[in-house]
Protein backbone atom coordinates (compact mmCIF):
# COMPACT_ATOMS: atom_id res chain seq x y z
CA MET A 1 -19.65 -65.01 94.41
CA ARG A 2 -18.79 -62.68 91.48
CA ALA A 3 -20.04 -65.58 88.93
CA LEU A 4 -23.55 -65.96 90.70
CA ALA A 5 -23.93 -62.25 90.54
CA THR A 6 -22.99 -62.26 86.67
CA LEU A 7 -25.50 -65.11 86.80
CA LEU A 8 -28.71 -63.02 88.07
CA CYS A 9 -28.03 -60.09 86.09
CA VAL A 10 -28.28 -61.96 82.73
CA ALA A 11 -31.38 -63.91 83.63
CA GLY A 12 -32.82 -60.71 85.28
CA CYS A 13 -32.37 -58.95 81.62
CA VAL A 14 -33.68 -62.03 79.81
CA LEU A 15 -37.05 -61.27 82.48
CA VAL A 16 -37.18 -57.73 81.79
CA ALA A 17 -37.07 -58.43 77.65
CA GLY A 18 -39.19 -61.13 77.79
CA CYS A 19 -42.13 -58.84 79.35
CA GLY A 20 -44.12 -56.64 76.89
CA SER A 21 -44.45 -52.96 77.35
CA VAL A 22 -47.73 -51.32 78.27
CA GLY A 23 -49.14 -49.59 75.10
CA GLU A 24 -52.55 -47.42 74.29
CA PRO A 25 -55.63 -48.82 75.10
CA LEU A 26 -57.71 -50.42 72.54
CA TYR A 27 -61.28 -48.60 72.06
CA PRO A 28 -64.20 -50.76 70.71
CA ALA A 29 -64.58 -50.22 67.06
CA LEU A 30 -67.45 -47.83 65.50
CA ASN A 31 -68.88 -49.70 62.99
CA ILE A 32 -70.12 -47.01 61.00
CA PRO A 33 -70.98 -48.05 57.43
CA GLN A 34 -68.89 -46.17 54.77
CA ARG A 35 -70.42 -43.96 52.95
CA ILE A 36 -73.15 -44.70 49.98
CA SER A 37 -71.35 -42.97 46.65
CA ASP A 38 -73.39 -44.66 43.60
CA LEU A 39 -76.95 -43.19 44.08
CA VAL A 40 -79.15 -42.84 41.06
CA ALA A 41 -82.21 -41.98 40.62
CA VAL A 42 -84.62 -42.79 37.26
CA GLU A 43 -88.24 -41.94 36.79
CA ARG A 44 -89.98 -45.38 35.63
CA GLY A 45 -93.55 -45.26 34.74
CA ASP A 46 -95.28 -43.70 37.48
CA LYS A 47 -92.38 -44.44 39.88
CA ILE A 48 -88.90 -42.97 40.92
CA ALA A 49 -86.57 -46.02 40.89
CA ILE A 50 -83.97 -45.26 43.57
CA TYR A 51 -80.66 -47.30 43.33
CA PHE A 52 -77.56 -47.78 45.39
CA THR A 53 -75.28 -50.00 47.07
CA ILE A 54 -74.39 -50.47 50.72
CA PRO A 55 -71.01 -50.71 51.55
CA ALA A 56 -69.46 -53.91 52.55
CA LEU A 57 -66.81 -52.01 54.97
CA THR A 58 -66.99 -49.83 57.62
CA THR A 59 -64.57 -46.34 57.95
CA GLU A 60 -62.20 -48.37 59.97
CA GLY A 61 -62.12 -51.41 57.14
CA LEU A 62 -64.19 -53.92 58.79
CA ALA A 63 -66.95 -55.79 57.76
CA VAL A 64 -70.53 -54.60 58.11
CA ARG A 65 -72.29 -57.51 59.35
CA THR A 66 -75.69 -56.06 59.99
CA VAL A 67 -77.58 -52.42 58.87
CA SER A 68 -80.20 -51.35 61.04
CA SER A 69 -81.32 -47.99 59.70
CA LEU A 70 -82.06 -46.40 56.26
CA ASP A 71 -81.90 -42.70 55.71
CA LEU A 72 -83.75 -41.85 52.38
CA ARG A 73 -84.63 -38.05 51.95
CA VAL A 74 -86.43 -37.15 48.80
CA ASP A 75 -87.51 -33.49 47.93
CA VAL A 76 -88.40 -30.63 45.74
CA ASN A 77 -84.99 -28.76 44.61
CA PRO A 78 -85.42 -25.44 45.85
CA SER A 79 -85.78 -22.50 43.26
CA SER A 80 -83.23 -20.45 45.09
CA GLY A 81 -80.67 -20.27 48.06
CA PHE A 82 -80.00 -23.57 47.99
CA ASN A 83 -77.45 -25.09 50.29
CA ILE A 84 -77.62 -28.81 50.64
CA ASP A 85 -77.10 -29.46 54.29
CA GLN A 86 -80.35 -27.17 54.92
CA TRP A 87 -82.02 -28.81 52.19
CA THR A 88 -80.99 -32.55 53.64
CA ALA A 89 -82.38 -31.30 57.36
CA SER A 90 -85.60 -30.38 56.09
CA ALA A 91 -86.04 -32.88 53.20
CA LYS A 92 -89.01 -35.42 53.48
CA ARG A 93 -87.94 -38.75 54.70
CA VAL A 94 -88.91 -41.74 52.65
CA ALA A 95 -90.40 -44.71 54.16
CA ALA A 96 -88.80 -47.79 53.03
CA PRO A 97 -87.69 -51.41 54.10
CA THR A 98 -84.10 -51.36 55.52
CA PRO A 99 -81.69 -53.98 53.95
CA SER A 100 -80.25 -56.19 56.35
CA GLN A 101 -77.01 -56.76 54.57
CA PRO A 102 -74.80 -54.77 52.41
CA GLY A 103 -74.74 -54.84 48.68
CA ALA A 104 -77.27 -53.50 46.10
CA PHE A 105 -80.53 -52.08 46.82
CA ARG A 106 -83.57 -50.13 45.52
CA VAL A 107 -86.59 -48.09 46.33
CA ASP A 108 -89.44 -47.09 44.54
CA ILE A 109 -91.53 -44.11 45.14
CA PRO A 110 -94.52 -42.71 43.71
CA ALA A 111 -93.80 -40.02 41.27
CA GLY A 112 -97.41 -38.59 41.29
CA GLU A 113 -96.83 -35.52 43.84
CA PHE A 114 -93.68 -34.78 42.07
CA ILE A 115 -94.36 -34.33 38.17
CA GLY A 116 -93.39 -31.05 36.83
CA LYS A 117 -90.88 -30.78 39.12
CA GLU A 118 -87.00 -31.01 40.02
CA ILE A 119 -86.18 -33.01 42.85
CA LEU A 120 -83.47 -34.16 44.96
CA ALA A 121 -82.44 -37.36 46.80
CA ARG A 122 -79.83 -38.58 49.23
CA VAL A 123 -79.53 -41.63 51.34
CA ARG A 124 -77.51 -42.93 54.14
CA VAL A 125 -77.26 -45.71 56.54
CA GLY A 126 -76.72 -46.73 60.39
CA ASN A 127 -75.16 -49.46 62.56
CA THR A 128 -77.52 -51.34 65.31
CA ARG A 129 -75.99 -48.32 67.66
CA GLY A 130 -77.50 -45.64 65.73
CA ARG A 131 -74.78 -44.01 64.46
CA MET A 132 -75.21 -43.11 60.86
CA SER A 133 -73.02 -43.02 57.66
CA GLU A 134 -72.26 -39.77 55.89
CA TRP A 135 -74.79 -38.87 53.22
CA SER A 136 -74.29 -39.93 49.68
CA ASN A 137 -73.98 -38.49 47.01
CA PHE A 138 -77.19 -36.50 45.82
CA VAL A 139 -78.75 -36.74 42.94
CA VAL A 140 -81.27 -34.61 40.72
CA VAL A 141 -84.52 -35.94 38.61
CA ASN A 142 -86.50 -33.75 36.23
CA VAL A 143 -90.18 -35.57 36.78
CA GLU A 144 -91.98 -35.96 33.95
CA THR A 145 -95.64 -36.99 32.68
CA PRO A 146 -95.23 -40.74 32.88
CA LEU A 147 -94.35 -42.81 30.00
CA ALA A 148 -96.94 -45.09 29.00
CA LYS A 149 -95.80 -48.56 28.98
CA PRO A 150 -95.88 -50.36 25.51
CA ALA A 151 -98.42 -52.56 24.88
CA ASP A 152 -99.46 -55.74 22.62
CA LEU A 153 -95.34 -56.95 22.39
CA GLN A 154 -95.29 -59.74 19.90
CA ALA A 155 -92.41 -61.97 18.77
CA HIS A 156 -92.51 -63.02 15.04
CA PRO A 157 -90.20 -65.48 13.06
CA SER A 158 -88.72 -63.82 10.20
CA PRO A 159 -86.19 -65.15 7.42
CA GLU A 160 -83.57 -62.29 9.25
CA GLY A 161 -84.26 -63.91 12.82
CA VAL A 162 -86.65 -62.71 15.21
CA ARG A 163 -89.16 -59.44 14.50
CA LEU A 164 -90.90 -57.28 17.49
CA THR A 165 -93.77 -55.15 17.02
CA TRP A 166 -95.53 -53.35 20.01
CA SER A 167 -97.81 -50.43 20.25
CA ALA A 168 -96.59 -47.02 21.92
CA PRO A 169 -96.74 -43.38 21.06
CA ASN A 170 -94.27 -42.75 18.12
CA GLU A 171 -92.28 -39.97 19.60
CA ASN A 172 -90.80 -42.39 22.68
CA SER A 173 -87.57 -44.48 21.65
CA PHE A 174 -87.44 -47.41 23.00
CA ARG A 175 -84.95 -50.17 24.58
CA ILE A 176 -84.82 -53.89 23.41
CA PHE A 177 -83.95 -56.35 26.19
CA ARG A 178 -83.32 -60.16 25.66
CA LYS A 179 -82.69 -63.15 27.70
CA ALA A 180 -81.56 -66.34 26.17
CA ASP A 181 -80.99 -69.97 26.85
CA GLN A 182 -79.25 -69.94 30.27
CA GLU A 183 -78.82 -66.69 30.86
CA LYS A 184 -80.15 -65.41 34.53
CA GLU A 185 -81.20 -62.03 33.52
CA PRO A 186 -82.37 -59.71 30.26
CA ALA A 187 -79.88 -57.77 28.98
CA PRO A 188 -80.16 -54.61 26.81
CA ILE A 189 -79.62 -55.35 23.22
CA ALA A 190 -80.80 -52.23 21.11
CA THR A 191 -82.36 -48.90 21.13
CA THR A 192 -84.57 -47.62 18.39
CA ASP A 193 -87.24 -44.91 17.61
CA LYS A 194 -89.72 -47.31 15.63
CA PRO A 195 -92.04 -49.91 17.67
CA GLU A 196 -90.43 -52.28 15.80
CA TYR A 197 -87.15 -54.52 15.96
CA VAL A 198 -85.48 -57.14 13.90
CA ASP A 199 -82.80 -59.39 15.95
CA THR A 200 -80.80 -60.91 13.63
CA PHE A 201 -78.44 -62.59 16.37
CA THR A 202 -80.52 -65.64 16.89
CA GLU A 203 -80.75 -69.54 16.58
CA TYR A 204 -83.11 -71.73 15.66
CA GLY A 205 -84.38 -73.83 18.14
CA LYS A 206 -83.41 -71.65 20.82
CA ALA A 207 -85.49 -69.96 22.96
CA TYR A 208 -85.81 -66.63 23.64
CA GLU A 209 -87.37 -63.80 26.08
CA TYR A 210 -88.00 -60.53 24.67
CA TYR A 211 -89.01 -57.05 26.79
CA VAL A 212 -89.33 -53.42 25.39
CA GLN A 213 -89.26 -50.39 27.46
CA GLY A 214 -89.82 -46.64 26.59
CA ILE A 215 -87.57 -44.11 27.21
CA HIS A 216 -87.53 -40.42 26.36
CA GLU A 217 -84.58 -38.36 27.48
CA LYS A 218 -83.90 -39.73 31.56
CA THR A 219 -87.37 -40.77 31.63
CA GLU A 220 -88.46 -44.75 31.25
CA SER A 221 -91.72 -46.53 31.24
CA ASP A 222 -92.16 -49.69 33.06
CA VAL A 223 -91.10 -52.64 31.02
CA ALA A 224 -93.52 -54.92 28.88
CA GLY A 225 -93.14 -58.41 28.18
CA PRO A 226 -91.91 -61.05 28.26
CA ALA A 227 -92.77 -62.25 24.72
CA ASP A 228 -91.51 -65.94 24.52
CA ILE A 229 -90.45 -67.31 21.39
CA THR A 230 -88.28 -70.38 20.27
CA PRO A 231 -87.84 -69.80 16.14
CA LYS A 232 -87.70 -72.65 13.49
CA ASP A 233 -86.55 -72.71 10.51
CA ILE A 234 -89.54 -72.40 8.25
CA PHE A 235 -88.29 -70.27 5.74
CA ALA A 236 -87.73 -71.34 1.95
CA PRO A 237 -84.40 -70.43 -0.11
CA ALA A 238 -84.95 -67.55 -2.44
CA VAL A 239 -86.09 -68.76 -5.89
CA PRO A 240 -83.21 -69.56 -8.15
CA THR A 241 -82.86 -66.89 -10.99
CA GLY A 242 -81.22 -66.32 -14.00
CA LEU A 243 -81.77 -70.16 -15.50
CA THR A 244 -80.45 -70.43 -19.38
CA VAL A 245 -80.71 -73.39 -21.56
CA SER A 246 -78.51 -74.37 -24.56
CA ALA A 247 -78.17 -77.20 -26.67
CA GLY A 248 -74.86 -79.10 -26.21
CA VAL A 249 -73.10 -82.89 -27.61
CA SER A 250 -76.35 -85.08 -26.77
CA ALA A 251 -77.52 -83.15 -23.89
CA VAL A 252 -79.30 -80.09 -23.07
CA GLU A 253 -77.09 -77.48 -20.67
CA LEU A 254 -79.00 -75.67 -17.92
CA ALA A 255 -77.09 -72.92 -15.87
CA TRP A 256 -78.71 -70.55 -13.03
CA GLU A 257 -77.22 -68.06 -10.28
CA ARG A 258 -75.76 -69.51 -7.40
CA ASN A 259 -77.84 -68.85 -4.08
CA THR A 260 -76.47 -66.99 -1.39
CA GLU A 261 -78.06 -68.64 1.89
CA PRO A 262 -75.42 -70.40 4.37
CA ASP A 263 -77.92 -73.37 5.07
CA LEU A 264 -78.46 -74.09 1.11
CA LYS A 265 -78.35 -78.18 0.61
CA GLU A 266 -79.10 -78.59 -2.89
CA TYR A 267 -81.08 -77.61 -6.12
CA ARG A 268 -83.57 -79.84 -7.36
CA ILE A 269 -84.63 -79.73 -11.27
CA TYR A 270 -88.16 -80.38 -13.34
CA ARG A 271 -88.73 -81.25 -16.79
CA SER A 272 -91.50 -80.88 -18.84
CA GLU A 273 -91.98 -83.27 -22.11
CA GLU A 274 -94.05 -81.78 -25.11
CA ASN A 275 -95.71 -79.22 -22.87
CA GLY A 276 -96.64 -82.13 -20.52
CA PRO A 277 -96.47 -81.76 -16.71
CA PHE A 278 -93.35 -80.92 -14.90
CA VAL A 279 -91.67 -84.18 -13.34
CA GLN A 280 -88.54 -83.99 -11.13
CA ILE A 281 -85.50 -85.27 -12.87
CA ALA A 282 -82.43 -84.60 -10.62
CA ASP A 283 -81.88 -83.52 -6.84
CA GLY A 284 -78.68 -83.31 -5.06
CA LEU A 285 -77.13 -80.90 -6.88
CA GLU A 286 -74.43 -78.66 -4.90
CA GLY A 287 -73.50 -76.50 -8.20
CA PRO A 288 -75.54 -74.16 -10.49
CA SER A 289 -75.48 -76.25 -13.31
CA TYR A 290 -77.11 -79.69 -14.83
CA SER A 291 -76.44 -81.58 -18.26
CA ASP A 292 -79.84 -83.53 -19.06
CA ARG A 293 -78.19 -86.08 -21.28
CA LYS A 294 -81.89 -88.21 -21.27
CA ILE A 295 -83.23 -86.38 -24.13
CA GLU A 296 -84.84 -87.30 -27.54
CA SER A 297 -83.40 -85.37 -30.75
CA GLY A 298 -86.63 -82.91 -32.28
CA LYS A 299 -88.42 -82.95 -28.88
CA HIS A 300 -89.77 -79.68 -26.78
CA TYR A 301 -88.79 -79.60 -23.53
CA LYS A 302 -89.25 -76.96 -20.39
CA TYR A 303 -87.17 -76.73 -17.22
CA ARG A 304 -87.20 -75.52 -13.91
CA VAL A 305 -85.14 -75.37 -10.96
CA ALA A 306 -85.95 -75.10 -6.85
CA ALA A 307 -83.44 -74.45 -4.09
CA VAL A 308 -83.81 -76.62 -0.73
CA ASP A 309 -82.09 -75.67 2.29
CA GLN A 310 -80.45 -77.94 5.40
CA THR A 311 -83.86 -78.14 6.87
CA GLY A 312 -86.04 -79.49 3.66
CA ASN A 313 -87.51 -75.99 3.08
CA ARG A 314 -88.08 -76.01 -0.72
CA SER A 315 -88.13 -72.74 -2.84
CA ASP A 316 -90.83 -72.48 -5.77
CA PRO A 317 -89.38 -73.33 -8.90
CA SER A 318 -87.93 -70.87 -11.21
CA GLN A 319 -89.38 -69.18 -14.31
CA PRO A 320 -89.43 -72.24 -17.11
CA VAL A 321 -87.03 -72.10 -19.87
CA GLU A 322 -87.41 -74.00 -23.03
CA ILE A 323 -85.49 -75.72 -26.11
CA ILE A 324 -86.08 -78.23 -28.81
CA ALA A 325 -83.38 -81.00 -28.18
CA PRO A 326 -80.99 -80.97 -30.80
């Protein structure tokens, strides 16, 4: 009997240990999106472009699956007695489409009524139950007279790369964008204060798209473009310089300054006998010198040299030099 009682006691302890204790009840998640913290507003052309990112998580760290409302407020900054909460409560609500998913978003609003004024903007989003996130950071924009969009953007091949030209007011600065083969989006490559730019980082046979945008302090114009171009090497090397001629042993010795083009392929030599026409007498020369051994003593010769690149573009011949063969 005593053994049976012990066994029953052990079994009871095991059963009690196997049962979990009753905890606090689990409440349903609120699913309120986290606060937007990267709000940016830029005057672009005749609109104010407002950018922000809707967070992917709720305040409880859960994934935001859908967004049901967008509350964007944009209005003039009061000249005195500013209170951000009072301003938010009375500011105009902008009609804008509601993004269905988290991620980057942009809203454009007309700038017309705000020209010459300083405005503020704030935004928040809500879930399917109407519960709103906290207000975002607020941004300030001084709205100016819209910048004119650059016109007549053109891309031209040049020996240095691709030369861009356009027309626009001279008081603007300009931002240049480029999209090359295999790139998905144009990327900024330079800023200039003149209505022209030479892109020296290009490759022959590669397609490019160019865009240009006027900028003045924090105001931007609409973007002009694209100007398309696939540059080709149609540019000859520089004309060789410094050609000299001298008498050698049973030869006429020629020398000149070496060209600096990285795609130089060869030099070609042209000769005139007794003031006759120039005829090519040598090609494929890699160095800046040549010995003409096919001469006749006492004859009058003139020489010229030209440079040729890897594509076959030939420079103009150099200035002639002359000699009477020894």
